[in-house]
Amino acid sequence: MDNGTENSNTGMDGTAEETGTAASRPSAPEPATALEEAIVSGQSGAISNQDVITAIWNSELLSVGRLTVEDDPASFQALVLKSPEGAAPVAATFTDAQRIPQRIRDTAPIMVKASGEATLRSIAPGYGLAINPGNSLGLELGPEGVQAVVAAFGGVAGEETDSSEA
């Protein structure tokens, strides 16, 4: 995992030899989904935040977690992470199975695919949403952001509704 530090090896004389520089590091991953393209476009200012939110709402997201009761899909408990950007916990979601780090797969081996709308509506008050956490092709919405998005599209976060009524 690249943590933003330079890689170095100790040479035969005990001095550090640089083995990777910013110029030789691989560039950010290429977007693999329409949502990732929207996130990159939003980060660069090519599209508005509202357009990114609309892309999230209309996309499919993978939630990861565990079953609290073996063989009972209704017992799915989504992985919740502590946000590095704030104090609120966030539901971890991913745009593609390839974006899920192995350490998360080991901790939360069950994947559930749902629309961005269903995912946002299912988030309990006080929780945010992380898309591709730890990846440059991701973003985070705090609890207030989740509530604002759901309200903007008609509804209340934490309440599953029939989307045909919205």
N, C-alpha and C. Protein backbone atom coordinates (compact mmCIF):
# COMPACT_ATOMS: atom_id res chain seq x y z
N MET A 1 0.84 -1.18 0.00
CA MET A 1 0.00 0.00 0.00
C MET A 1 0.88 1.23 0.00
N ASP A 2 0.58 2.14 -0.90
CA ASP A 2 1.35 3.38 -0.97
C ASP A 2 0.78 4.35 0.05
N ASN A 3 1.60 4.73 1.01
CA ASN A 3 1.13 5.65 2.03
C ASN A 3 1.64 7.06 1.81
N GLY A 4 2.16 7.31 0.60
CA GLY A 4 2.60 8.65 0.27
C GLY A 4 4.03 8.94 0.68
N THR A 5 4.76 7.94 1.15
CA THR A 5 6.15 8.16 1.53
C THR A 5 7.04 7.59 0.47
N GLU A 6 8.26 8.06 0.45
CA GLU A 6 9.25 7.55 -0.49
C GLU A 6 9.68 6.16 -0.07
N ASN A 7 9.93 5.29 -1.03
CA ASN A 7 10.48 3.97 -0.74
C ASN A 7 11.99 4.07 -0.75
N SER A 8 12.63 3.38 0.17
CA SER A 8 14.09 3.42 0.14
C SER A 8 14.63 2.08 0.62
N ASN A 9 15.82 1.77 0.16
CA ASN A 9 16.57 0.60 0.60
C ASN A 9 17.88 1.09 1.18
N THR A 10 18.41 0.35 2.11
CA THR A 10 19.70 0.72 2.67
C THR A 10 20.78 0.12 1.79
N GLY A 11 21.69 0.97 1.33
CA GLY A 11 22.77 0.52 0.46
C GLY A 11 23.84 -0.22 1.26
N MET A 12 24.82 -0.78 0.55
CA MET A 12 25.89 -1.56 1.19
C MET A 12 26.68 -0.70 2.17
N ASP A 13 26.75 0.62 1.93
CA ASP A 13 27.52 1.50 2.81
C ASP A 13 26.67 2.06 3.95
N GLY A 14 25.40 1.57 4.06
CA GLY A 14 24.54 2.02 5.15
C GLY A 14 23.73 3.27 4.83
N THR A 15 23.90 3.83 3.63
CA THR A 15 23.12 5.00 3.27
C THR A 15 21.83 4.57 2.57
N ALA A 16 20.84 5.40 2.64
CA ALA A 16 19.56 5.07 2.02
C ALA A 16 19.62 5.38 0.54
N GLU A 17 19.10 4.47 -0.24
CA GLU A 17 19.00 4.66 -1.67
C GLU A 17 17.53 4.77 -2.03
N GLU A 18 17.18 5.82 -2.74
CA GLU A 18 15.79 6.01 -3.12
C GLU A 18 15.45 5.04 -4.23
N THR A 19 14.33 4.31 -4.06
CA THR A 19 13.92 3.35 -5.08
C THR A 19 12.68 3.80 -5.81
N GLY A 20 12.02 4.82 -5.32
CA GLY A 20 10.82 5.31 -6.00
C GLY A 20 10.63 6.77 -5.69
N THR A 21 10.29 7.55 -6.69
CA THR A 21 10.02 8.96 -6.49
C THR A 21 8.62 9.24 -6.99
N ALA A 22 8.14 10.41 -6.70
CA ALA A 22 6.81 10.79 -7.14
C ALA A 22 6.69 10.64 -8.65
N ALA A 23 7.75 10.96 -9.38
CA ALA A 23 7.69 10.88 -10.83
C ALA A 23 7.63 9.44 -11.32
N SER A 24 8.23 8.50 -10.58
CA SER A 24 8.25 7.12 -11.05
C SER A 24 7.12 6.27 -10.47
N ARG A 25 6.35 6.81 -9.52
CA ARG A 25 5.23 6.08 -8.94
C ARG A 25 4.13 5.94 -9.97
N PRO A 26 3.37 4.87 -9.87
CA PRO A 26 2.23 4.77 -10.78
C PRO A 26 1.25 5.90 -10.51
N SER A 27 0.57 6.33 -11.55
CA SER A 27 -0.40 7.40 -11.38
C SER A 27 -1.64 6.85 -10.69
N ALA A 28 -2.55 7.73 -10.37
CA ALA A 28 -3.80 7.31 -9.73
C ALA A 28 -4.49 6.28 -10.61
N PRO A 29 -5.25 5.38 -9.99
CA PRO A 29 -5.93 4.37 -10.79
C PRO A 29 -6.90 5.00 -11.78
N GLU A 30 -7.11 4.32 -12.87
CA GLU A 30 -8.05 4.80 -13.89
C GLU A 30 -9.47 4.49 -13.44
N PRO A 31 -10.39 5.40 -13.69
CA PRO A 31 -11.79 5.13 -13.35
C PRO A 31 -12.30 3.91 -14.12
N ALA A 32 -13.00 3.00 -13.41
CA ALA A 32 -13.52 1.78 -14.03
C ALA A 32 -15.04 1.80 -14.16
N THR A 33 -15.69 2.76 -13.52
CA THR A 33 -17.15 2.84 -13.57
C THR A 33 -17.57 4.28 -13.85
N ALA A 34 -18.83 4.44 -14.24
CA ALA A 34 -19.35 5.78 -14.50
C ALA A 34 -19.29 6.64 -13.23
N LEU A 35 -19.54 6.02 -12.08
CA LEU A 35 -19.48 6.78 -10.82
C LEU A 35 -18.05 7.25 -10.55
N GLU A 36 -17.07 6.39 -10.77
CA GLU A 36 -15.68 6.80 -10.58
C GLU A 36 -15.31 7.93 -11.53
N GLU A 37 -15.81 7.88 -12.76
CA GLU A 37 -15.55 8.97 -13.71
C GLU A 37 -16.17 10.26 -13.20
N ALA A 38 -17.38 10.17 -12.63
CA ALA A 38 -18.04 11.36 -12.08
C ALA A 38 -17.26 11.91 -10.89
N ILE A 39 -16.74 11.02 -10.04
CA ILE A 39 -15.96 11.47 -8.88
C ILE A 39 -14.71 12.21 -9.35
N VAL A 40 -14.00 11.65 -10.32
CA VAL A 40 -12.80 12.31 -10.85
C VAL A 40 -13.16 13.65 -11.48
N SER A 41 -14.25 13.68 -12.25
CA SER A 41 -14.68 14.93 -12.88
C SER A 41 -15.07 15.96 -11.84
N GLY A 42 -15.69 15.52 -10.76
CA GLY A 42 -16.05 16.43 -9.68
C GLY A 42 -14.82 16.96 -8.96
N GLN A 43 -13.84 16.08 -8.73
CA GLN A 43 -12.61 16.50 -8.06
C GLN A 43 -11.86 17.54 -8.89
N SER A 44 -11.94 17.43 -10.22
CA SER A 44 -11.23 18.37 -11.08
C SER A 44 -12.04 19.62 -11.38
N GLY A 45 -13.30 19.63 -10.95
CA GLY A 45 -14.16 20.79 -11.20
C GLY A 45 -14.84 20.75 -12.55
N ALA A 46 -14.72 19.65 -13.29
CA ALA A 46 -15.34 19.56 -14.61
C ALA A 46 -16.86 19.41 -14.52
N ILE A 47 -17.35 18.85 -13.40
CA ILE A 47 -18.79 18.79 -13.18
C ILE A 47 -19.08 19.30 -11.77
N SER A 48 -20.32 19.65 -11.52
CA SER A 48 -20.69 20.21 -10.21
C SER A 48 -20.84 19.12 -9.16
N ASN A 49 -20.82 19.55 -7.90
CA ASN A 49 -21.07 18.62 -6.80
C ASN A 49 -22.44 17.96 -6.95
N GLN A 50 -23.42 18.74 -7.41
CA GLN A 50 -24.77 18.19 -7.62
C GLN A 50 -24.74 17.07 -8.65
N ASP A 51 -23.94 17.22 -9.69
CA ASP A 51 -23.83 16.16 -10.70
C ASP A 51 -23.18 14.90 -10.11
N VAL A 52 -22.21 15.08 -9.22
CA VAL A 52 -21.57 13.93 -8.56
C VAL A 52 -22.59 13.23 -7.67
N ILE A 53 -23.35 14.01 -6.91
CA ILE A 53 -24.37 13.43 -6.02
C ILE A 53 -25.41 12.67 -6.84
N THR A 54 -25.82 13.23 -7.96
CA THR A 54 -26.79 12.55 -8.83
C THR A 54 -26.21 11.24 -9.35
N ALA A 55 -24.92 11.25 -9.68
CA ALA A 55 -24.27 10.02 -10.14
C ALA A 55 -24.25 8.96 -9.04
N ILE A 56 -23.99 9.38 -7.80
CA ILE A 56 -24.02 8.44 -6.67
C ILE A 56 -25.43 7.86 -6.53
N TRP A 57 -26.43 8.71 -6.53
CA TRP A 57 -27.82 8.31 -6.36
C TRP A 57 -28.23 7.28 -7.41
N ASN A 58 -27.75 7.46 -8.65
CA ASN A 58 -28.16 6.61 -9.77
C ASN A 58 -27.23 5.42 -10.02
N SER A 59 -26.18 5.27 -9.25
CA SER A 59 -25.21 4.20 -9.45
C SER A 59 -25.50 3.02 -8.54
N GLU A 60 -24.81 1.91 -8.80
CA GLU A 60 -24.84 0.77 -7.89
C GLU A 60 -23.61 0.85 -7.00
N LEU A 61 -23.81 0.54 -5.72
CA LEU A 61 -22.72 0.52 -4.76
C LEU A 61 -22.66 -0.86 -4.11
N LEU A 62 -21.45 -1.27 -3.75
CA LEU A 62 -21.26 -2.51 -3.01
C LEU A 62 -21.02 -2.16 -1.55
N SER A 63 -21.87 -2.69 -0.70
CA SER A 63 -21.64 -2.58 0.74
C SER A 63 -21.00 -3.88 1.18
N VAL A 64 -20.09 -3.79 2.12
CA VAL A 64 -19.42 -4.99 2.63
C VAL A 64 -19.73 -5.14 4.10
N GLY A 65 -19.76 -6.37 4.56
CA GLY A 65 -20.04 -6.61 5.96
C GLY A 65 -20.00 -8.09 6.29
N ARG A 66 -20.71 -8.45 7.34
CA ARG A 66 -20.76 -9.84 7.83
C ARG A 66 -22.21 -10.19 8.11
N LEU A 67 -22.44 -11.49 8.22
CA LEU A 67 -23.72 -11.97 8.71
C LEU A 67 -23.57 -12.20 10.21
N THR A 68 -24.47 -11.65 11.00
CA THR A 68 -24.40 -11.87 12.44
C THR A 68 -24.99 -13.22 12.81
N VAL A 69 -25.83 -13.76 11.91
CA VAL A 69 -26.38 -15.11 12.07
C VAL A 69 -26.03 -15.87 10.80
N GLU A 70 -25.25 -16.93 10.93
CA GLU A 70 -24.79 -17.69 9.78
C GLU A 70 -25.96 -18.11 8.90
N ASP A 71 -25.80 -17.97 7.59
CA ASP A 71 -26.79 -18.34 6.58
C ASP A 71 -28.10 -17.55 6.66
N ASP A 72 -28.09 -16.38 7.30
CA ASP A 72 -29.29 -15.55 7.37
C ASP A 72 -29.00 -14.19 6.75
N PRO A 73 -29.34 -14.02 5.46
CA PRO A 73 -29.05 -12.75 4.79
C PRO A 73 -29.65 -11.53 5.49
N ALA A 74 -30.73 -11.73 6.21
CA ALA A 74 -31.35 -10.61 6.92
C ALA A 74 -30.49 -10.11 8.07
N SER A 75 -29.49 -10.91 8.46
CA SER A 75 -28.62 -10.50 9.56
C SER A 75 -27.38 -9.74 9.08
N PHE A 76 -27.37 -9.32 7.81
CA PHE A 76 -26.22 -8.59 7.26
C PHE A 76 -25.98 -7.33 8.08
N GLN A 77 -24.72 -7.17 8.50
CA GLN A 77 -24.31 -5.96 9.21
C GLN A 77 -23.18 -5.32 8.41
N ALA A 78 -23.46 -4.14 7.90
CA ALA A 78 -22.49 -3.43 7.06
C ALA A 78 -21.28 -2.99 7.85
N LEU A 79 -20.14 -2.96 7.17
CA LEU A 79 -18.90 -2.46 7.77
C LEU A 79 -19.00 -0.96 7.96
N VAL A 80 -18.70 -0.53 9.17
CA VAL A 80 -18.69 0.89 9.50
C VAL A 80 -17.27 1.25 9.89
N LEU A 81 -16.77 2.33 9.33
CA LEU A 81 -15.41 2.80 9.60
C LEU A 81 -15.46 4.13 10.32
N LYS A 82 -14.40 4.42 11.06
CA LYS A 82 -14.26 5.76 11.63
C LYS A 82 -13.65 6.64 10.56
N SER A 83 -14.27 7.77 10.35
CA SER A 83 -13.81 8.68 9.32
C SER A 83 -12.52 9.37 9.72
N PRO A 84 -11.51 9.35 8.84
CA PRO A 84 -10.29 10.10 9.15
C PRO A 84 -10.52 11.61 9.04
N GLU A 85 -11.61 12.00 8.36
CA GLU A 85 -11.88 13.42 8.13
C GLU A 85 -12.85 14.02 9.15
N GLY A 86 -13.38 13.20 10.01
CA GLY A 86 -14.35 13.70 10.97
C GLY A 86 -14.58 12.68 12.07
N ALA A 87 -15.44 13.04 12.98
CA ALA A 87 -15.69 12.17 14.12
C ALA A 87 -16.77 11.14 13.85
N ALA A 88 -17.57 11.34 12.82
CA ALA A 88 -18.72 10.46 12.57
C ALA A 88 -18.29 9.16 11.91
N PRO A 89 -18.94 8.06 12.28
CA PRO A 89 -18.69 6.80 11.59
C PRO A 89 -19.30 6.85 10.19
N VAL A 90 -18.72 6.07 9.28
CA VAL A 90 -19.21 6.05 7.90
C VAL A 90 -19.42 4.61 7.44
N ALA A 91 -20.47 4.42 6.65
CA ALA A 91 -20.71 3.13 6.02
C ALA A 91 -19.75 3.00 4.85
N ALA A 92 -19.00 1.90 4.80
CA ALA A 92 -18.02 1.69 3.74
C ALA A 92 -18.70 1.06 2.53
N THR A 93 -18.58 1.72 1.38
CA THR A 93 -19.12 1.19 0.13
C THR A 93 -18.06 1.29 -0.96
N PHE A 94 -18.28 0.54 -2.02
CA PHE A 94 -17.30 0.49 -3.11
C PHE A 94 -18.02 0.51 -4.44
N THR A 95 -17.34 1.06 -5.43
CA THR A 95 -17.90 1.15 -6.77
C THR A 95 -17.72 -0.14 -7.57
N ASP A 96 -16.76 -0.95 -7.15
CA ASP A 96 -16.42 -2.17 -7.88
C ASP A 96 -15.72 -3.11 -6.91
N ALA A 97 -15.92 -4.41 -7.08
CA ALA A 97 -15.29 -5.39 -6.19
C ALA A 97 -13.77 -5.26 -6.20
N GLN A 98 -13.18 -4.83 -7.32
CA GLN A 98 -11.72 -4.67 -7.40
C GLN A 98 -11.21 -3.56 -6.50
N ARG A 99 -12.06 -2.67 -6.06
CA ARG A 99 -11.65 -1.55 -5.20
C ARG A 99 -11.62 -1.93 -3.72
N ILE A 100 -12.08 -3.13 -3.38
CA ILE A 100 -12.14 -3.54 -1.98
C ILE A 100 -10.79 -4.11 -1.57
N PRO A 101 -10.08 -3.45 -0.65
CA PRO A 101 -8.77 -3.96 -0.22
C PRO A 101 -8.91 -5.33 0.46
N GLN A 102 -7.87 -6.14 0.34
CA GLN A 102 -7.91 -7.49 0.91
C GLN A 102 -8.17 -7.47 2.41
N ARG A 103 -7.62 -6.51 3.14
CA ARG A 103 -7.83 -6.47 4.59
C ARG A 103 -9.30 -6.25 4.92
N ILE A 104 -10.01 -5.52 4.08
CA ILE A 104 -11.44 -5.33 4.30
C ILE A 104 -12.20 -6.60 3.90
N ARG A 105 -11.78 -7.25 2.80
CA ARG A 105 -12.42 -8.52 2.40
C ARG A 105 -12.30 -9.55 3.51
N ASP A 106 -11.15 -9.55 4.19
CA ASP A 106 -10.94 -10.51 5.28
C ASP A 106 -11.85 -10.22 6.47
N THR A 107 -12.07 -8.94 6.75
CA THR A 107 -12.89 -8.53 7.89
C THR A 107 -14.38 -8.57 7.56
N ALA A 108 -14.72 -8.21 6.34
CA ALA A 108 -16.12 -8.09 5.93
C ALA A 108 -16.31 -8.84 4.61
N PRO A 109 -16.44 -10.17 4.66
CA PRO A 109 -16.41 -10.98 3.44
C PRO A 109 -17.70 -11.00 2.62
N ILE A 110 -18.79 -10.46 3.13
CA ILE A 110 -20.06 -10.49 2.40
C ILE A 110 -20.23 -9.17 1.65
N MET A 111 -20.62 -9.25 0.36
CA MET A 111 -20.88 -8.06 -0.44
C MET A 111 -22.35 -8.02 -0.82
N VAL A 112 -22.94 -6.86 -0.70
CA VAL A 112 -24.32 -6.65 -1.09
C VAL A 112 -24.35 -5.48 -2.07
N LYS A 113 -24.94 -5.73 -3.25
CA LYS A 113 -25.04 -4.67 -4.26
C LYS A 113 -26.42 -4.02 -4.16
N ALA A 114 -26.44 -2.70 -4.13
CA ALA A 114 -27.69 -1.95 -4.08
C ALA A 114 -27.50 -0.63 -4.81
N SER A 115 -28.60 -0.02 -5.16
CA SER A 115 -28.52 1.29 -5.80
C SER A 115 -27.98 2.31 -4.81
N GLY A 116 -27.41 3.36 -5.35
CA GLY A 116 -26.96 4.45 -4.48
C GLY A 116 -28.13 5.01 -3.69
N GLU A 117 -29.28 5.11 -4.34
CA GLU A 117 -30.47 5.60 -3.65
C GLU A 117 -30.80 4.73 -2.44
N ALA A 118 -30.90 3.41 -2.65
CA ALA A 118 -31.24 2.50 -1.54
C ALA A 118 -30.18 2.55 -0.45
N THR A 119 -28.92 2.64 -0.86
CA THR A 119 -27.83 2.70 0.12
C THR A 119 -27.93 3.96 0.96
N LEU A 120 -28.10 5.11 0.32
CA LEU A 120 -28.21 6.38 1.06
C LEU A 120 -29.43 6.39 1.97
N ARG A 121 -30.55 5.89 1.48
CA ARG A 121 -31.77 5.88 2.28
C ARG A 121 -31.64 4.96 3.50
N SER A 122 -30.79 3.92 3.41
CA SER A 122 -30.67 2.95 4.49
C SER A 122 -29.70 3.37 5.59
N ILE A 123 -28.96 4.44 5.37
CA ILE A 123 -27.96 4.87 6.36
C ILE A 123 -28.65 5.55 7.53
N ALA A 124 -28.38 5.04 8.72
CA ALA A 124 -29.00 5.56 9.94
C ALA A 124 -28.51 6.98 10.22
N PRO A 125 -29.37 7.79 10.85
CA PRO A 125 -28.93 9.14 11.24
C PRO A 125 -27.66 9.06 12.09
N GLY A 126 -26.77 10.02 11.86
CA GLY A 126 -25.51 10.05 12.60
C GLY A 126 -24.37 9.33 11.90
N TYR A 127 -24.67 8.69 10.76
CA TYR A 127 -23.66 7.97 9.99
C TYR A 127 -23.46 8.64 8.65
N GLY A 128 -22.23 8.61 8.17
CA GLY A 128 -21.91 9.12 6.86
C GLY A 128 -21.72 7.98 5.87
N LEU A 129 -21.24 8.32 4.69
CA LEU A 129 -21.00 7.35 3.62
C LEU A 129 -19.60 7.55 3.07
N ALA A 130 -18.83 6.48 2.99
CA ALA A 130 -17.52 6.51 2.33
C ALA A 130 -17.61 5.64 1.09
N ILE A 131 -17.23 6.20 -0.04
CA ILE A 131 -17.18 5.46 -1.29
C ILE A 131 -15.71 5.24 -1.62
N ASN A 132 -15.33 3.98 -1.79
CA ASN A 132 -13.94 3.61 -2.04
C ASN A 132 -13.00 4.23 -1.00
N PRO A 133 -13.23 3.97 0.29
CA PRO A 133 -12.39 4.60 1.33
C PRO A 133 -10.91 4.29 1.13
N GLY A 134 -10.09 5.34 1.26
CA GLY A 134 -8.65 5.21 1.12
C GLY A 134 -8.17 5.23 -0.31
N ASN A 135 -9.07 5.43 -1.26
CA ASN A 135 -8.71 5.41 -2.67
C ASN A 135 -8.95 6.80 -3.25
N SER A 136 -8.08 7.22 -4.18
CA SER A 136 -8.26 8.54 -4.80
C SER A 136 -9.53 8.60 -5.65
N LEU A 137 -10.10 7.44 -5.99
CA LEU A 137 -11.34 7.40 -6.76
C LEU A 137 -12.55 7.30 -5.82
N GLY A 138 -12.42 7.92 -4.66
CA GLY A 138 -13.49 7.86 -3.69
C GLY A 138 -13.81 9.21 -3.11
N LEU A 139 -14.82 9.20 -2.24
CA LEU A 139 -15.20 10.42 -1.55
C LEU A 139 -15.94 10.04 -0.28
N GLU A 140 -16.21 11.04 0.52
CA GLU A 140 -16.90 10.81 1.78
C GLU A 140 -17.97 11.88 1.97
N LEU A 141 -19.14 11.44 2.43
CA LEU A 141 -20.21 12.35 2.82
C LEU A 141 -20.42 12.17 4.32
N GLY A 142 -20.43 13.26 5.05
CA GLY A 142 -20.71 13.19 6.48
C GLY A 142 -22.20 12.94 6.70
N PRO A 143 -22.59 12.74 7.95
CA PRO A 143 -24.00 12.49 8.25
C PRO A 143 -24.94 13.58 7.72
N GLU A 144 -24.52 14.83 7.86
CA GLU A 144 -25.36 15.93 7.37
C GLU A 144 -25.49 15.87 5.85
N GLY A 145 -24.41 15.49 5.17
CA GLY A 145 -24.44 15.36 3.72
C GLY A 145 -25.38 14.26 3.27
N VAL A 146 -25.35 13.12 3.97
CA VAL A 146 -26.25 12.01 3.63
C VAL A 146 -27.69 12.47 3.80
N GLN A 147 -27.99 13.12 4.93
CA GLN A 147 -29.36 13.59 5.17
C GLN A 147 -29.79 14.61 4.12
N ALA A 148 -28.89 15.51 3.76
CA ALA A 148 -29.22 16.54 2.76
C ALA A 148 -29.49 15.93 1.40
N VAL A 149 -28.69 14.93 1.01
CA VAL A 149 -28.88 14.29 -0.29
C VAL A 149 -30.23 13.58 -0.33
N VAL A 150 -30.52 12.80 0.70
CA VAL A 150 -31.80 12.07 0.73
C VAL A 150 -32.96 13.06 0.73
N ALA A 151 -32.86 14.13 1.51
CA ALA A 151 -33.92 15.13 1.55
C ALA A 151 -34.09 15.80 0.18
N ALA A 152 -32.98 16.07 -0.50
CA ALA A 152 -33.05 16.71 -1.81
C ALA A 152 -33.77 15.84 -2.84
N PHE A 153 -33.62 14.53 -2.68
CA PHE A 153 -34.28 13.61 -3.61
C PHE A 153 -35.64 13.17 -3.08
N GLY A 154 -36.04 13.71 -1.93
CA GLY A 154 -37.34 13.39 -1.36
C GLY A 154 -37.29 12.20 -0.43
N GLY A 155 -37.15 12.45 0.84
CA GLY A 155 -37.15 11.36 1.80
C GLY A 155 -36.33 11.69 3.02
N VAL A 156 -36.20 10.69 3.89
CA VAL A 156 -35.44 10.83 5.13
C VAL A 156 -34.45 9.69 5.20
N ALA A 157 -33.18 9.99 5.47
CA ALA A 157 -32.16 8.95 5.61
C ALA A 157 -32.54 8.04 6.76
N GLY A 158 -32.25 6.75 6.60
CA GLY A 158 -32.54 5.78 7.63
C GLY A 158 -33.92 5.17 7.49
N GLU A 159 -34.69 5.63 6.51
CA GLU A 159 -36.01 5.09 6.24
C GLU A 159 -36.06 4.56 4.83
N GLU A 160 -36.27 3.26 4.70
CA GLU A 160 -36.42 2.66 3.38
C GLU A 160 -37.79 3.07 2.86
N THR A 161 -37.86 3.57 1.64
CA THR A 161 -39.14 3.94 1.07
C THR A 161 -39.26 3.32 -0.31
N ASP A 162 -40.47 3.26 -0.79
CA ASP A 162 -40.71 2.79 -2.15
C ASP A 162 -40.32 3.92 -3.09
N SER A 163 -39.28 3.70 -3.88
CA SER A 163 -38.75 4.78 -4.72
C SER A 163 -39.75 5.21 -5.78
N SER A 164 -40.79 4.42 -6.06
CA SER A 164 -41.77 4.85 -7.05
C SER A 164 -42.63 5.98 -6.52
N GLU A 165 -42.62 6.19 -5.18
CA GLU A 165 -43.40 7.28 -4.60
C GLU A 165 -42.64 8.60 -4.64
N ALA A 166 -41.33 8.56 -4.82
CA ALA A 166 -40.51 9.77 -4.74
C ALA A 166 -40.63 10.60 -5.98
